[in-house]
PDB file of N, CA and C in Angstrom:
ATOM      1  N   UNK A   1    -162.978  64.731 -73.886  1.00  0.00           N
ATOM      2  CA  UNK A   1    -163.437  63.425 -73.482  1.00  0.00           C
ATOM      3  C   UNK A   1    -164.317  63.604 -72.251  1.00  0.00           C
ATOM      4  N   UNK A   2    -165.497  63.075 -72.332  1.00  0.00           N
ATOM      5  CA  UNK A   2    -166.418  63.151 -71.203  1.00  0.00           C
ATOM      6  C   UNK A   2    -166.460  61.814 -70.482  1.00  0.00           C
ATOM      7  N   UNK A   3    -166.561  61.902 -69.140  1.00  0.00           N
ATOM      8  CA  UNK A   3    -166.777  60.715 -68.331  1.00  0.00           C
ATOM      9  C   UNK A   3    -167.507  61.126 -67.064  1.00  0.00           C
ATOM     10  N   UNK A   4    -168.142  60.156 -66.416  1.00  0.00           N
ATOM     11  CA  UNK A   4    -168.980  60.428 -65.253  1.00  0.00           C
ATOM     12  C   UNK A   4    -168.463  59.650 -64.048  1.00  0.00           C
ATOM     13  N   UNK A   5    -168.480  60.325 -62.898  1.00  0.00           N
ATOM     14  CA  UNK A   5    -168.087  59.698 -61.636  1.00  0.00           C
ATOM     15  C   UNK A   5    -169.182  60.015 -60.617  1.00  0.00           C
ATOM     16  N   UNK A   6    -169.495  59.069 -59.783  1.00  0.00           N
ATOM     17  CA  UNK A   6    -170.530  59.260 -58.761  1.00  0.00           C
ATOM     18  C   UNK A   6    -170.103  60.363 -57.801  1.00  0.00           C
ATOM     19  N   UNK A   7    -171.035  61.256 -57.520  1.00  0.00           N
ATOM     20  CA  UNK A   7    -170.792  62.371 -56.615  1.00  0.00           C
ATOM     21  C   UNK A   7    -170.759  61.866 -55.177  1.00  0.00           C
ATOM     22  N   UNK A   8    -169.649  62.073 -54.495  1.00  0.00           N
ATOM     23  CA  UNK A   8    -169.511  61.661 -53.098  1.00  0.00           C
ATOM     24  C   UNK A   8    -169.961  62.745 -52.140  1.00  0.00           C
ATOM     25  N   UNK A   9    -170.303  63.917 -52.670  1.00  0.00           N
ATOM     26  CA  UNK A   9    -170.726  65.031 -51.830  1.00  0.00           C
ATOM     27  C   UNK A   9    -169.573  65.922 -51.399  1.00  0.00           C
ATOM     28  N   UNK A  10    -168.370  65.550 -51.788  1.00  0.00           N
ATOM     29  CA  UNK A  10    -167.200  66.360 -51.432  1.00  0.00           C
ATOM     30  C   UNK A  10    -167.178  67.651 -52.255  1.00  0.00           C
ATOM     31  N   UNK A  11    -166.640  68.685 -51.679  1.00  0.00           N
ATOM     32  CA  UNK A  11    -166.484  69.959 -52.372  1.00  0.00           C
ATOM     33  C   UNK A  11    -165.690  69.735 -53.656  1.00  0.00           C
ATOM     34  N   UNK A  12    -166.192  70.252 -54.769  1.00  0.00           N
ATOM     35  CA  UNK A  12    -165.565  69.995 -56.069  1.00  0.00           C
ATOM     36  C   UNK A  12    -164.158  70.588 -56.152  1.00  0.00           C
ATOM     37  N   UNK A  13    -163.938  71.744 -55.573  1.00  0.00           N
ATOM     38  CA  UNK A  13    -162.596  72.354 -55.611  1.00  0.00           C
ATOM     39  C   UNK A  13    -161.605  71.482 -54.846  1.00  0.00           C
ATOM     40  N   UNK A  14    -162.006  70.962 -53.694  1.00  0.00           N
ATOM     41  CA  UNK A  14    -161.133  70.061 -52.931  1.00  0.00           C
ATOM     42  C   UNK A  14    -160.874  68.768 -53.689  1.00  0.00           C
ATOM     43  N   UNK A  15    -161.898  68.272 -54.352  1.00  0.00           N
ATOM     44  CA  UNK A  15    -161.762  67.065 -55.164  1.00  0.00           C
ATOM     45  C   UNK A  15    -160.741  67.289 -56.282  1.00  0.00           C
ATOM     46  N   UNK A  16    -160.823  68.441 -56.933  1.00  0.00           N
ATOM     47  CA  UNK A  16    -159.889  68.779 -58.011  1.00  0.00           C
ATOM     48  C   UNK A  16    -158.452  68.862 -57.491  1.00  0.00           C
ATOM     49  N   UNK A  17    -158.277  69.379 -56.302  1.00  0.00           N
ATOM     50  CA  UNK A  17    -156.926  69.453 -55.716  1.00  0.00           C
ATOM     51  C   UNK A  17    -156.328  68.060 -55.530  1.00  0.00           C
ATOM     52  N   UNK A  18    -157.162  67.118 -55.173  1.00  0.00           N
ATOM     53  CA  UNK A  18    -156.681  65.748 -54.966  1.00  0.00           C
ATOM     54  C   UNK A  18    -156.159  65.121 -56.253  1.00  0.00           C
ATOM     55  N   UNK A  19    -156.650  65.597 -57.394  1.00  0.00           N
ATOM     56  CA  UNK A  19    -156.181  65.068 -58.674  1.00  0.00           C
ATOM     57  C   UNK A  19    -155.185  66.028 -59.336  1.00  0.00           C
ATOM     58  N   UNK A  20    -154.672  66.994 -58.536  1.00  0.00           N
ATOM     59  CA  UNK A  20    -153.606  67.923 -58.948  1.00  0.00           C
ATOM     60  C   UNK A  20    -154.063  68.974 -59.963  1.00  0.00           C
ATOM     61  N   UNK A  21    -155.320  69.378 -59.875  1.00  0.00           N
ATOM     62  CA  UNK A  21    -155.840  70.456 -60.720  1.00  0.00           C
ATOM     63  C   UNK A  21    -156.092  71.677 -59.857  1.00  0.00           C
ATOM     64  N   UNK A  22    -155.955  72.852 -60.451  1.00  0.00           N
ATOM     65  CA  UNK A  22    -156.284  74.057 -59.701  1.00  0.00           C
ATOM     66  C   UNK A  22    -157.382  74.836 -60.406  1.00  0.00           C
ATOM     67  N   UNK A  23    -158.155  75.535 -59.572  1.00  0.00           N
ATOM     68  CA  UNK A  23    -159.336  76.259 -60.041  1.00  0.00           C
ATOM     69  C   UNK A  23    -158.939  77.381 -60.988  1.00  0.00           C
ATOM     70  N   UNK A  24    -159.673  77.486 -62.101  1.00  0.00           N
ATOM     71  CA  UNK A  24    -159.442  78.547 -63.072  1.00  0.00           C
ATOM     72  C   UNK A  24    -160.584  79.549 -63.039  1.00  0.00           C
ATOM     73  N   UNK A  25    -161.824  79.064 -63.248  1.00  0.00           N
ATOM     74  CA  UNK A  25    -162.975  79.968 -63.253  1.00  0.00           C
ATOM     75  C   UNK A  25    -164.267  79.162 -63.207  1.00  0.00           C
ATOM     76  N   UNK A  26    -165.350  79.886 -62.971  1.00  0.00           N
ATOM     77  CA  UNK A  26    -166.675  79.285 -63.017  1.00  0.00           C
ATOM     78  C   UNK A  26    -167.391  79.814 -64.247  1.00  0.00           C
ATOM     79  N   UNK A  27    -167.945  78.916 -65.025  1.00  0.00           N
ATOM     80  CA  UNK A  27    -168.682  79.286 -66.230  1.00  0.00           C
ATOM     81  C   UNK A  27    -170.044  78.637 -66.181  1.00  0.00           C
ATOM     82  N   UNK A  28    -171.091  79.453 -66.073  1.00  0.00           N
ATOM     83  CA  UNK A  28    -172.476  78.964 -65.996  1.00  0.00           C
ATOM     84  C   UNK A  28    -172.590  77.954 -64.866  1.00  0.00           C
ATOM     85  N   UNK A  29    -172.880  76.710 -65.174  1.00  0.00           N
ATOM     86  CA  UNK A  29    -173.052  75.699 -64.132  1.00  0.00           C
ATOM     87  C   UNK A  29    -171.874  74.725 -64.056  1.00  0.00           C
ATOM     88  N   UNK A  30    -170.733  75.139 -64.604  1.00  0.00           N
ATOM     89  CA  UNK A  30    -169.534  74.300 -64.593  1.00  0.00           C
ATOM     90  C   UNK A  30    -168.383  75.032 -63.913  1.00  0.00           C
ATOM     91  N   UNK A  31    -167.532  74.243 -63.272  1.00  0.00           N
ATOM     92  CA  UNK A  31    -166.290  74.782 -62.726  1.00  0.00           C
ATOM     93  C   UNK A  31    -165.162  74.340 -63.647  1.00  0.00           C
ATOM     94  N   UNK A  32    -164.224  75.248 -63.890  1.00  0.00           N
ATOM     95  CA  UNK A  32    -163.116  75.003 -64.809  1.00  0.00           C
ATOM     96  C   UNK A  32    -161.813  74.891 -64.021  1.00  0.00           C
ATOM     97  N   UNK A  33    -161.022  73.849 -64.338  1.00  0.00           N
ATOM     98  CA  UNK A  33    -159.756  73.583 -63.657  1.00  0.00           C
ATOM     99  C   UNK A  33    -158.677  73.284 -64.697  1.00  0.00           C
ATOM    100  N   UNK A  34    -157.420  73.509 -64.329  1.00  0.00           N
ATOM    101  CA  UNK A  34    -156.308  73.198 -65.227  1.00  0.00           C
ATOM    102  C   UNK A  34    -155.190  72.480 -64.477  1.00  0.00           C
ATOM    103  N   UNK A  35    -154.395  71.754 -65.265  1.00  0.00           N
ATOM    104  CA  UNK A  35    -153.178  71.105 -64.753  1.00  0.00           C
ATOM    105  C   UNK A  35    -152.132  71.195 -65.856  1.00  0.00           C
ATOM    106  N   UNK A  36    -151.186  72.132 -65.709  1.00  0.00           N
ATOM    107  CA  UNK A  36    -150.149  72.293 -66.734  1.00  0.00           C
ATOM    108  C   UNK A  36    -149.279  71.041 -66.866  1.00  0.00           C
ATOM    109  N   UNK A  37    -148.868  70.779 -68.101  1.00  0.00           N
ATOM    110  CA  UNK A  37    -147.962  69.656 -68.363  1.00  0.00           C
ATOM    111  C   UNK A  37    -146.508  70.096 -68.288  1.00  0.00           C
ATOM    112  N   UNK A  38    -146.280  71.394 -68.425  1.00  0.00           N
ATOM    113  CA  UNK A  38    -144.921  71.937 -68.385  1.00  0.00           C
ATOM    114  C   UNK A  38    -144.902  73.193 -67.529  1.00  0.00           C
ATOM    115  N   UNK A  39    -143.728  73.603 -67.110  1.00  0.00           N
ATOM    116  CA  UNK A  39    -143.588  74.789 -66.262  1.00  0.00           C
ATOM    117  C   UNK A  39    -144.072  76.070 -66.932  1.00  0.00           C
ATOM    118  N   UNK A  40    -144.082  76.106 -68.238  1.00  0.00           N
ATOM    119  CA  UNK A  40    -144.505  77.297 -68.971  1.00  0.00           C
ATOM    120  C   UNK A  40    -146.016  77.498 -68.922  1.00  0.00           C
ATOM    121  N   UNK A  41    -146.767  76.486 -68.483  1.00  0.00           N
ATOM    122  CA  UNK A  41    -148.212  76.589 -68.383  1.00  0.00           C
ATOM    123  C   UNK A  41    -148.958  75.968 -69.555  1.00  0.00           C
ATOM    124  N   UNK A  42    -148.288  75.781 -70.666  1.00  0.00           N
ATOM    125  CA  UNK A  42    -148.903  75.161 -71.854  1.00  0.00           C
ATOM    126  C   UNK A  42    -147.926  74.176 -72.456  1.00  0.00           C
ATOM    127  N   UNK A  43    -148.386  73.077 -72.983  1.00  0.00           N
ATOM    128  CA  UNK A  43    -149.762  72.611 -72.998  1.00  0.00           C
ATOM    129  C   UNK A  43    -150.241  72.302 -71.582  1.00  0.00           C
ATOM    130  N   UNK A  44    -151.569  72.227 -71.432  1.00  0.00           N
ATOM    131  CA  UNK A  44    -152.147  71.928 -70.127  1.00  0.00           C
ATOM    132  C   UNK A  44    -153.442  71.146 -70.305  1.00  0.00           C
ATOM    133  N   UNK A  45    -153.736  70.330 -69.296  1.00  0.00           N
ATOM    134  CA  UNK A  45    -155.034  69.679 -69.259  1.00  0.00           C
ATOM    135  C   UNK A  45    -156.040  70.705 -68.785  1.00  0.00           C
ATOM    136  N   UNK A  46    -157.206  70.693 -69.386  1.00  0.00           N
ATOM    137  CA  UNK A  46    -158.288  71.601 -69.012  1.00  0.00           C
ATOM    138  C   UNK A  46    -159.498  70.730 -68.706  1.00  0.00           C
ATOM    139  N   UNK A  47    -160.036  70.891 -67.505  1.00  0.00           N
ATOM    140  CA  UNK A  47    -161.102  70.029 -67.021  1.00  0.00           C
ATOM    141  C   UNK A  47    -162.286  70.863 -66.570  1.00  0.00           C
ATOM    142  N   UNK A  48    -163.465  70.544 -67.098  1.00  0.00           N
ATOM    143  CA  UNK A  48    -164.706  71.143 -66.623  1.00  0.00           C
ATOM    144  C   UNK A  48    -165.434  70.083 -65.803  1.00  0.00           C
ATOM    145  N   UNK A  49    -165.970  70.491 -64.651  1.00  0.00           N
ATOM    146  CA  UNK A  49    -166.744  69.574 -63.815  1.00  0.00           C
ATOM    147  C   UNK A  49    -168.109  70.200 -63.564  1.00  0.00           C
ATOM    148  N   UNK A  50    -169.139  69.389 -63.779  1.00  0.00           N
ATOM    149  CA  UNK A  50    -170.523  69.842 -63.625  1.00  0.00           C
ATOM    150  C   UNK A  50    -171.275  68.836 -62.770  1.00  0.00           C
ATOM    151  N   UNK A  51    -172.045  69.327 -61.789  1.00  0.00           N
ATOM    152  CA  UNK A  51    -172.887  68.458 -60.969  1.00  0.00           C
ATOM    153  C   UNK A  51    -174.155  68.126 -61.739  1.00  0.00           C
ATOM    154  N   UNK A  52    -174.557  66.866 -61.642  1.00  0.00           N
ATOM    155  CA  UNK A  52    -175.806  66.422 -62.249  1.00  0.00           C
ATOM    156  C   UNK A  52    -176.419  65.355 -61.352  1.00  0.00           C
ATOM    157  N   UNK A  53    -177.344  65.759 -60.501  1.00  0.00           N
ATOM    158  CA  UNK A  53    -177.987  64.847 -59.545  1.00  0.00           C
ATOM    159  C   UNK A  53    -176.962  64.083 -58.733  1.00  0.00           C
ATOM    160  N   UNK A  54    -176.878  62.782 -58.948  1.00  0.00           N
ATOM    161  CA  UNK A  54    -175.974  61.905 -58.189  1.00  0.00           C
ATOM    162  C   UNK A  54    -174.570  61.819 -58.789  1.00  0.00           C
ATOM    163  N   UNK A  55    -174.348  62.485 -59.909  1.00  0.00           N
ATOM    164  CA  UNK A  55    -173.098  62.321 -60.640  1.00  0.00           C
ATOM    165  C   UNK A  55    -172.336  63.627 -60.817  1.00  0.00           C
ATOM    166  N   UNK A  56    -171.052  63.475 -61.094  1.00  0.00           N
ATOM    167  CA  UNK A  56    -170.211  64.585 -61.536  1.00  0.00           C
ATOM    168  C   UNK A  56    -169.822  64.277 -62.977  1.00  0.00           C
ATOM    169  N   UNK A  57    -170.057  65.231 -63.852  1.00  0.00           N
ATOM    170  CA  UNK A  57    -169.718  65.056 -65.261  1.00  0.00           C
ATOM    171  C   UNK A  57    -168.401  65.774 -65.518  1.00  0.00           C
ATOM    172  N   UNK A  58    -167.414  65.021 -65.969  1.00  0.00           N
ATOM    173  CA  UNK A  58    -166.085  65.552 -66.262  1.00  0.00           C
ATOM    174  C   UNK A  58    -165.950  65.710 -67.772  1.00  0.00           C
ATOM    175  N   UNK A  59    -165.421  66.839 -68.196  1.00  0.00           N
ATOM    176  CA  UNK A  59    -165.159  67.090 -69.610  1.00  0.00           C
ATOM    177  C   UNK A  59    -163.696  67.529 -69.708  1.00  0.00           C
ATOM    178  N   UNK A  60    -162.862  66.678 -70.267  1.00  0.00           N
ATOM    179  CA  UNK A  60    -161.410  66.849 -70.264  1.00  0.00           C
ATOM    180  C   UNK A  60    -160.866  67.041 -71.670  1.00  0.00           C
ATOM    181  N   UNK A  61    -159.937  67.974 -71.811  1.00  0.00           N
ATOM    182  CA  UNK A  61    -159.203  68.133 -73.076  1.00  0.00           C
ATOM    183  C   UNK A  61    -157.842  68.753 -72.785  1.00  0.00           C
ATOM    184  N   UNK A  62    -157.015  68.864 -73.819  1.00  0.00           N
ATOM    185  CA  UNK A  62    -155.702  69.508 -73.691  1.00  0.00           C
ATOM    186  C   UNK A  62    -155.726  70.819 -74.461  1.00  0.00           C
ATOM    187  N   UNK A  63    -155.337  71.906 -73.784  1.00  0.00           N
ATOM    188  CA  UNK A  63    -155.099  73.183 -74.467  1.00  0.00           C
ATOM    189  C   UNK A  63    -153.642  73.160 -74.903  1.00  0.00           C
ATOM    190  N   UNK A  64    -153.395  73.196 -76.195  1.00  0.00           N
ATOM    191  CA  UNK A  64    -152.030  73.088 -76.700  1.00  0.00           C
ATOM    192  C   UNK A  64    -151.239  74.388 -76.601  1.00  0.00           C
ATOM    193  N   UNK A  65    -151.953  75.535 -76.685  1.00  0.00           N
ATOM    194  CA  UNK A  65    -151.211  76.800 -76.656  1.00  0.00           C
ATOM    195  C   UNK A  65    -152.006  77.890 -75.977  1.00  0.00           C
ATOM    196  N   UNK A  66    -151.300  78.932 -75.610  1.00  0.00           N
ATOM    197  CA  UNK A  66    -151.867  80.109 -74.972  1.00  0.00           C
ATOM    198  C   UNK A  66    -152.706  80.890 -75.982  1.00  0.00           C
ATOM    199  N   UNK A  67    -153.775  81.560 -75.502  1.00  0.00           N
ATOM    200  CA  UNK A  67    -154.547  82.393 -76.436  1.00  0.00           C
ATOM    201  C   UNK A  67    -153.662  83.446 -77.100  1.00  0.00           C
ATOM    202  N   UNK A  68    -153.911  83.685 -78.364  1.00  0.00           N
ATOM    203  CA  UNK A  68    -153.114  84.667 -79.110  1.00  0.00           C
ATOM    204  C   UNK A  68    -153.606  86.083 -78.845  1.00  0.00           C
ATOM    205  N   UNK A  69    -154.917  86.241 -78.805  1.00  0.00           N
ATOM    206  CA  UNK A  69    -155.520  87.551 -78.578  1.00  0.00           C
ATOM    207  C   UNK A  69    -156.220  87.575 -77.239  1.00  0.00           C
ATOM    208  N   UNK A  70    -156.158  88.702 -76.554  1.00  0.00           N
ATOM    209  CA  UNK A  70    -156.801  88.836 -75.257  1.00  0.00           C
ATOM    210  C   UNK A  70    -158.291  88.540 -75.398  1.00  0.00           C
ATOM    211  N   UNK A  71    -158.789  87.657 -74.523  1.00  0.00           N
ATOM    212  CA  UNK A  71    -160.196  87.302 -74.536  1.00  0.00           C
ATOM    213  C   UNK A  71    -160.554  86.188 -75.502  1.00  0.00           C
ATOM    214  N   UNK A  72    -159.615  85.773 -76.331  1.00  0.00           N
ATOM    215  CA  UNK A  72    -159.881  84.699 -77.297  1.00  0.00           C
ATOM    216  C   UNK A  72    -159.518  83.353 -76.675  1.00  0.00           C
ATOM    217  N   UNK A  73    -160.287  82.308 -76.972  1.00  0.00           N
ATOM    218  CA  UNK A  73    -159.924  80.990 -76.445  1.00  0.00           C
ATOM    219  C   UNK A  73    -158.665  80.456 -77.132  1.00  0.00           C
ATOM    220  N   UNK A  74    -157.935  79.586 -76.438  1.00  0.00           N
ATOM    221  CA  UNK A  74    -156.676  79.054 -76.955  1.00  0.00           C
ATOM    222  C   UNK A  74    -156.881  78.143 -78.145  1.00  0.00           C
ATOM    223  N   UNK A  75    -157.761  77.499 -78.247  1.00  0.00           N
ATOM    224  CA  UNK A  75    -158.126  76.278 -78.873  1.00  0.00           C
ATOM    225  C   UNK A  75    -157.398  75.723 -80.071  1.00  0.00           C
ATOM    226  N   UNK A  76    -156.272  75.178 -79.735  1.00  0.00           N
ATOM    227  CA  UNK A  76    -155.676  74.100 -80.497  1.00  0.00           C
ATOM    228  C   UNK A  76    -155.848  72.944 -79.525  1.00  0.00           C
ATOM    229  N   UNK A  77    -157.092  72.600 -79.234  1.00  0.00           N
ATOM    230  CA  UNK A  77    -157.389  71.618 -78.198  1.00  0.00           C
ATOM    231  C   UNK A  77    -157.508  70.207 -78.730  1.00  0.00           C
ATOM    232  N   UNK A  78    -157.136  69.255 -77.885  1.00  0.00           N
ATOM    233  CA  UNK A  78    -157.276  67.831 -78.205  1.00  0.00           C
ATOM    234  C   UNK A  78    -158.273  67.231 -77.232  1.00  0.00           C
ATOM    235  N   UNK A  79    -159.334  66.644 -77.767  1.00  0.00           N
ATOM    236  CA  UNK A  79    -160.392  66.072 -76.943  1.00  0.00           C
ATOM    237  C   UNK A  79    -160.328  64.553 -76.888  1.00  0.00           C
ATOM    238  N   UNK A  80    -159.491  63.962 -77.697  1.00  0.00           N
ATOM    239  CA  UNK A  80    -159.351  62.505 -77.749  1.00  0.00           C
ATOM    240  C   UNK A  80    -157.877  62.149 -77.871  1.00  0.00           C
ATOM    241  N   UNK A  81    -157.600  60.864 -77.819  1.00  0.00           N
ATOM    242  CA  UNK A  81    -156.234  60.386 -77.996  1.00  0.00           C
ATOM    243  C   UNK A  81    -155.683  59.758 -76.738  1.00  0.00           C
ATOM    244  N   UNK A  82    -154.539  59.139 -76.909  1.00  0.00           N
ATOM    245  CA  UNK A  82    -153.917  58.373 -75.824  1.00  0.00           C
ATOM    246  C   UNK A  82    -153.606  59.220 -74.597  1.00  0.00           C
ATOM    247  N   UNK A  83    -153.092  60.429 -74.787  1.00  0.00           N
ATOM    248  CA  UNK A  83    -152.716  61.282 -73.648  1.00  0.00           C
ATOM    249  C   UNK A  83    -153.952  61.659 -72.831  1.00  0.00           C
ATOM    250  N   UNK A  84    -155.024  62.031 -73.508  1.00  0.00           N
ATOM    251  CA  UNK A  84    -156.262  62.405 -72.817  1.00  0.00           C
ATOM    252  C   UNK A  84    -156.862  61.180 -72.125  1.00  0.00           C
ATOM    253  N   UNK A  85    -156.863  60.034 -72.787  1.00  0.00           N
ATOM    254  CA  UNK A  85    -157.398  58.805 -72.203  1.00  0.00           C
ATOM    255  C   UNK A  85    -156.604  58.391 -70.965  1.00  0.00           C
ATOM    256  N   UNK A  86    -155.291  58.514 -71.031  1.00  0.00           N
ATOM    257  CA  UNK A  86    -154.441  58.165 -69.892  1.00  0.00           C
ATOM    258  C   UNK A  86    -154.720  59.079 -68.708  1.00  0.00           C
ATOM    259  N   UNK A  87    -154.897  60.367 -68.969  1.00  0.00           N
ATOM    260  CA  UNK A  87    -155.199  61.313 -67.897  1.00  0.00           C
ATOM    261  C   UNK A  87    -156.570  61.026 -67.294  1.00  0.00           C
ATOM    262  N   UNK A  88    -157.544  60.706 -68.112  1.00  0.00           N
ATOM    263  CA  UNK A  88    -158.879  60.373 -67.601  1.00  0.00           C
ATOM    264  C   UNK A  88    -158.802  59.143 -66.688  1.00  0.00           C
ATOM    265  N   UNK A  89    -158.032  58.149 -67.068  1.00  0.00           N
ATOM    266  CA  UNK A  89    -157.869  56.948 -66.239  1.00  0.00           C
ATOM    267  C   UNK A  89    -157.165  57.276 -64.924  1.00  0.00           C
ATOM    268  N   UNK A  90    -156.165  58.157 -64.988  1.00  0.00           N
ATOM    269  CA  UNK A  90    -155.457  58.577 -63.768  1.00  0.00           C
ATOM    270  C   UNK A  90    -156.441  59.238 -62.800  1.00  0.00           C
ATOM    271  N   UNK A  91    -157.283  60.126 -63.319  1.00  0.00           N
ATOM    272  CA  UNK A  91    -158.275  60.813 -62.493  1.00  0.00           C
ATOM    273  C   UNK A  91    -159.241  59.811 -61.867  1.00  0.00           C
ATOM    274  N   UNK A  92    -159.757  58.899 -62.659  1.00  0.00           N
ATOM    275  CA  UNK A  92    -160.709  57.898 -62.168  1.00  0.00           C
ATOM    276  C   UNK A  92    -160.099  57.050 -61.056  1.00  0.00           C
ATOM    277  N   UNK A  93    -158.855  56.620 -61.257  1.00  0.00           N
ATOM    278  CA  UNK A  93    -158.197  55.787 -60.244  1.00  0.00           C
ATOM    279  C   UNK A  93    -158.026  56.523 -58.919  1.00  0.00           C
ATOM    280  N   UNK A  94    -157.595  57.769 -58.982  1.00  0.00           N
ATOM    281  CA  UNK A  94    -157.402  58.559 -57.757  1.00  0.00           C
ATOM    282  C   UNK A  94    -158.731  58.752 -57.034  1.00  0.00           C
ATOM    283  N   UNK A  95    -159.769  59.096 -57.774  1.00  0.00           N
ATOM    284  CA  UNK A  95    -161.063  59.355 -57.155  1.00  0.00           C
ATOM    285  C   UNK A  95    -161.703  58.073 -56.616  1.00  0.00           C
ATOM    286  N   UNK A  96    -161.495  56.957 -57.293  1.00  0.00           N
ATOM    287  CA  UNK A  96    -162.007  55.685 -56.784  1.00  0.00           C
ATOM    288  C   UNK A  96    -161.282  55.306 -55.499  1.00  0.00           C
ATOM    289  N   UNK A  97    -159.983  55.514 -55.472  1.00  0.00           N
ATOM    290  CA  UNK A  97    -159.180  55.226 -54.276  1.00  0.00           C
ATOM    291  C   UNK A  97    -159.634  56.130 -53.130  1.00  0.00           C
ATOM    292  N   UNK A  98    -159.879  57.404 -53.449  1.00  0.00           N
ATOM    293  CA  UNK A  98    -160.332  58.367 -52.446  1.00  0.00           C
ATOM    294  C   UNK A  98    -161.698  57.974 -51.882  1.00  0.00           C
ATOM    295  N   UNK A  99    -162.581  57.467 -52.720  1.00  0.00           N
ATOM    296  CA  UNK A  99    -163.933  57.073 -52.281  1.00  0.00           C
ATOM    297  C   UNK A  99    -163.883  55.892 -51.322  1.00  0.00           C
ATOM    298  N   UNK A 100    -162.879  55.032 -51.479  1.00  0.00           N
ATOM    299  CA  UNK A 100    -162.745  53.849 -50.609  1.00  0.00           C
ATOM    300  C   UNK A 100    -162.247  54.239 -49.216  1.00  0.00           C
ATOM    301  N   UNK A 101    -161.469  55.329 -49.145  1.00  0.00           N
ATOM    302  CA  UNK A 101    -160.869  55.738 -47.849  1.00  0.00           C
ATOM    303  C   UNK A 101    -161.803  56.551 -47.006  1.00  0.00           C
TER     304      UNK A 101
END
């Protein structure tokens, strides 16, 4: 699920921490972050954030399981649905509240 939030100029890694995500890696022009749903690490929310002029483009999905083979992506991913939509709304609310303060 993609959504856009106005860039406040804050460091993206610090912004991700405020929404309880931690840095995973940098890929091309995007930063990758995760937020596990369980102590085992999977399933987890996976969030890519990319700067685009005045905006930050968020791309959110759920990784359902750990990669089976080394170097292979996990992808039993969910890009839509109630859980992803609820998480996107949670992120938006926190960042909007943060922008007001």
